[in-house]
Amino acid sequence: TVEFYSSHEALLLDYESALTRVDSRTGRLYNVSAHMVWIGERTRQMDGAHLEFASRISNPIGVKLGPGVEADEALTLIDRLDPGREPGRLTFITRMGADKVRDRLPELVEKVTASGARVAWVCDPMHGNTFEAA
């Protein structure tokens, strides 16, 4: 046997909603399009539909955090997406780039850790590390 897990950005909510089911044993909602879905940097508005969708499903959730995110926003995301502080529920995916990560990440990790929240931290090395040609 093989254990196989998949993940993708929950970008198209019509697609994600169509693939969301109620677990007959627990009554909880799960998105069956992937094991873990994540919310992108540009779709994580606190009053937005993507955050609302993610807050209702029981899958593990990832959230991309760019260099402009403030610690208070990260704490609000935790309260919204993981109010029960369930281990493994929430992953912060940093996408800050090599030139900004040393300035921005330590404060985020420090304040999130001080809050008592237990999130997984993952680095997205592709975002923020591109070069532009003339």
Protein backbone atom coordinates (compact mmCIF):
# COMPACT_ATOMS: atom_id res chain seq x y z
CA THR A 1 0.00 0.00 0.00
CA VAL A 2 0.98 3.60 -0.47
CA GLU A 3 0.02 6.65 1.54
CA PHE A 4 -0.38 9.51 -0.90
CA TYR A 5 -1.24 13.11 0.00
CA SER A 6 -1.97 16.04 -2.26
CA SER A 7 -2.27 19.77 -1.80
CA HIS A 8 -3.23 22.76 -3.89
CA GLU A 9 -4.39 26.34 -3.60
CA ALA A 10 -8.14 26.61 -2.98
CA LEU A 11 -8.40 29.28 -5.64
CA LEU A 12 -11.57 28.37 -7.53
CA LEU A 13 -14.26 28.22 -4.89
CA ASP A 14 -16.93 26.81 -7.22
CA TYR A 15 -14.63 23.82 -7.81
CA GLU A 16 -13.71 23.46 -4.13
CA SER A 17 -17.32 23.74 -2.98
CA ALA A 18 -18.43 21.09 -5.47
CA LEU A 19 -15.83 18.75 -3.96
CA THR A 20 -16.74 19.36 -0.32
CA ARG A 21 -18.52 16.57 1.52
CA VAL A 22 -19.92 15.83 4.96
CA ASP A 23 -18.14 13.01 6.77
CA SER A 24 -20.95 10.58 7.63
CA ARG A 25 -19.20 9.51 10.85
CA THR A 26 -18.43 12.93 12.31
CA GLY A 27 -20.73 15.34 10.48
CA ARG A 28 -17.72 17.53 9.69
CA LEU A 29 -17.11 19.12 6.28
CA TYR A 30 -14.07 18.03 4.26
CA ASN A 31 -12.80 19.22 0.92
CA VAL A 32 -12.01 16.02 -0.94
CA SER A 33 -10.11 17.70 -3.78
CA ALA A 34 -6.90 17.50 -1.71
CA HIS A 35 -5.59 16.49 1.68
CA MET A 36 -4.49 20.06 2.46
CA VAL A 37 -5.62 23.19 0.68
CA TRP A 38 -4.07 26.60 1.06
CA ILE A 39 -5.10 30.21 0.74
CA GLY A 40 -2.90 32.43 -1.38
CA GLU A 41 -1.32 35.74 -0.48
CA ARG A 42 -3.75 37.65 -2.70
CA THR A 43 -6.90 35.81 -1.57
CA ARG A 44 -6.53 35.86 2.22
CA GLN A 45 -8.67 38.90 2.99
CA MET A 46 -10.21 38.58 6.46
CA ASP A 47 -13.69 39.27 5.10
CA GLY A 48 -13.14 37.29 1.89
CA ALA A 49 -14.78 34.15 0.58
CA HIS A 50 -11.57 32.09 0.59
CA LEU A 51 -10.99 32.53 4.29
CA GLU A 52 -14.66 31.84 4.98
CA PHE A 53 -14.51 28.60 2.97
CA ALA A 54 -11.33 27.44 4.71
CA SER A 55 -12.74 28.20 8.15
CA ARG A 56 -15.65 25.82 7.54
CA ILE A 57 -13.79 22.73 6.34
CA SER A 58 -11.88 20.35 8.59
CA ASN A 59 -8.90 19.72 6.30
CA PRO A 60 -5.45 20.93 7.21
CA ILE A 61 -5.16 24.51 5.91
CA GLY A 62 -2.19 26.45 4.64
CA VAL A 63 -1.95 30.23 4.34
CA LYS A 64 0.67 32.04 2.28
CA LEU A 65 2.30 34.95 4.11
CA GLY A 66 4.29 37.54 2.17
CA PRO A 67 6.67 40.22 3.45
CA GLY A 68 3.85 42.70 4.05
CA VAL A 69 2.01 40.59 6.62
CA GLU A 70 1.92 41.94 10.17
CA ALA A 71 2.04 39.72 13.25
CA ASP A 72 -1.44 40.84 14.32
CA GLU A 73 -2.83 39.65 10.99
CA ALA A 74 -1.18 36.25 11.47
CA LEU A 75 -2.74 36.01 14.93
CA THR A 76 -6.14 36.89 13.52
CA LEU A 77 -5.73 34.18 10.88
CA ILE A 78 -5.00 31.68 13.63
CA ASP A 79 -8.11 32.70 15.56
CA ARG A 80 -10.23 32.44 12.43
CA LEU A 81 -8.85 29.21 10.97
CA ASP A 82 -7.77 27.28 14.06
CA PRO A 83 -9.85 28.47 17.02
CA GLY A 84 -9.50 25.06 18.72
CA ARG A 85 -5.70 25.10 18.32
CA GLU A 86 -5.74 21.63 16.76
CA PRO A 87 -2.19 20.34 16.09
CA GLY A 88 -1.62 19.95 12.33
CA ARG A 89 -4.56 22.13 11.37
CA LEU A 90 -2.71 25.27 10.26
CA THR A 91 0.44 25.81 8.23
CA PHE A 92 1.91 29.21 7.45
CA ILE A 93 3.71 29.16 4.10
CA THR A 94 6.17 32.04 3.98
CA ARG A 95 6.85 33.62 0.59
CA MET A 96 9.06 36.55 1.48
CA GLY A 97 12.12 36.16 -0.70
CA ALA A 98 15.73 35.80 0.37
CA ASP A 99 16.21 39.56 0.66
CA LYS A 100 13.31 40.10 3.13
CA VAL A 101 12.88 36.88 5.10
CA ARG A 102 15.53 37.70 7.74
CA ASP A 103 13.85 41.02 8.48
CA ARG A 104 10.24 39.81 8.52
CA LEU A 105 10.07 36.17 9.63
CA PRO A 106 11.65 36.26 13.13
CA GLU A 107 9.04 38.69 14.51
CA LEU A 108 6.19 36.64 13.04
CA VAL A 109 7.50 33.39 14.51
CA GLU A 110 8.16 35.04 17.87
CA LYS A 111 4.70 36.56 18.22
CA VAL A 112 2.87 33.48 16.95
CA THR A 113 4.85 31.27 19.32
CA ALA A 114 4.23 33.65 22.23
CA SER A 115 0.48 33.41 21.57
CA GLY A 116 0.59 29.68 22.29
CA ALA A 117 -0.59 28.76 18.79
CA ARG A 118 1.07 25.73 17.25
CA VAL A 119 1.37 26.23 13.53
CA ALA A 120 3.70 24.54 11.07
CA TRP A 121 6.06 26.88 9.23
CA VAL A 122 6.92 26.09 5.60
CA CYS A 123 9.00 28.13 3.18
CA ASP A 124 7.90 28.71 -0.42
CA PRO A 125 11.33 29.36 -1.97
CA MET A 126 9.97 30.25 -5.40
CA HIS A 127 8.08 33.44 -4.55
CA GLY A 128 10.11 36.59 -4.13
CA ASN A 129 13.29 35.10 -5.56
CA THR A 130 12.82 35.93 -9.22
CA PHE A 131 14.86 38.22 -11.42
CA GLU A 132 13.41 40.70 -13.87
CA ALA A 133 15.09 41.46 -17.15
CA ALA A 134 14.83 44.81 -18.89
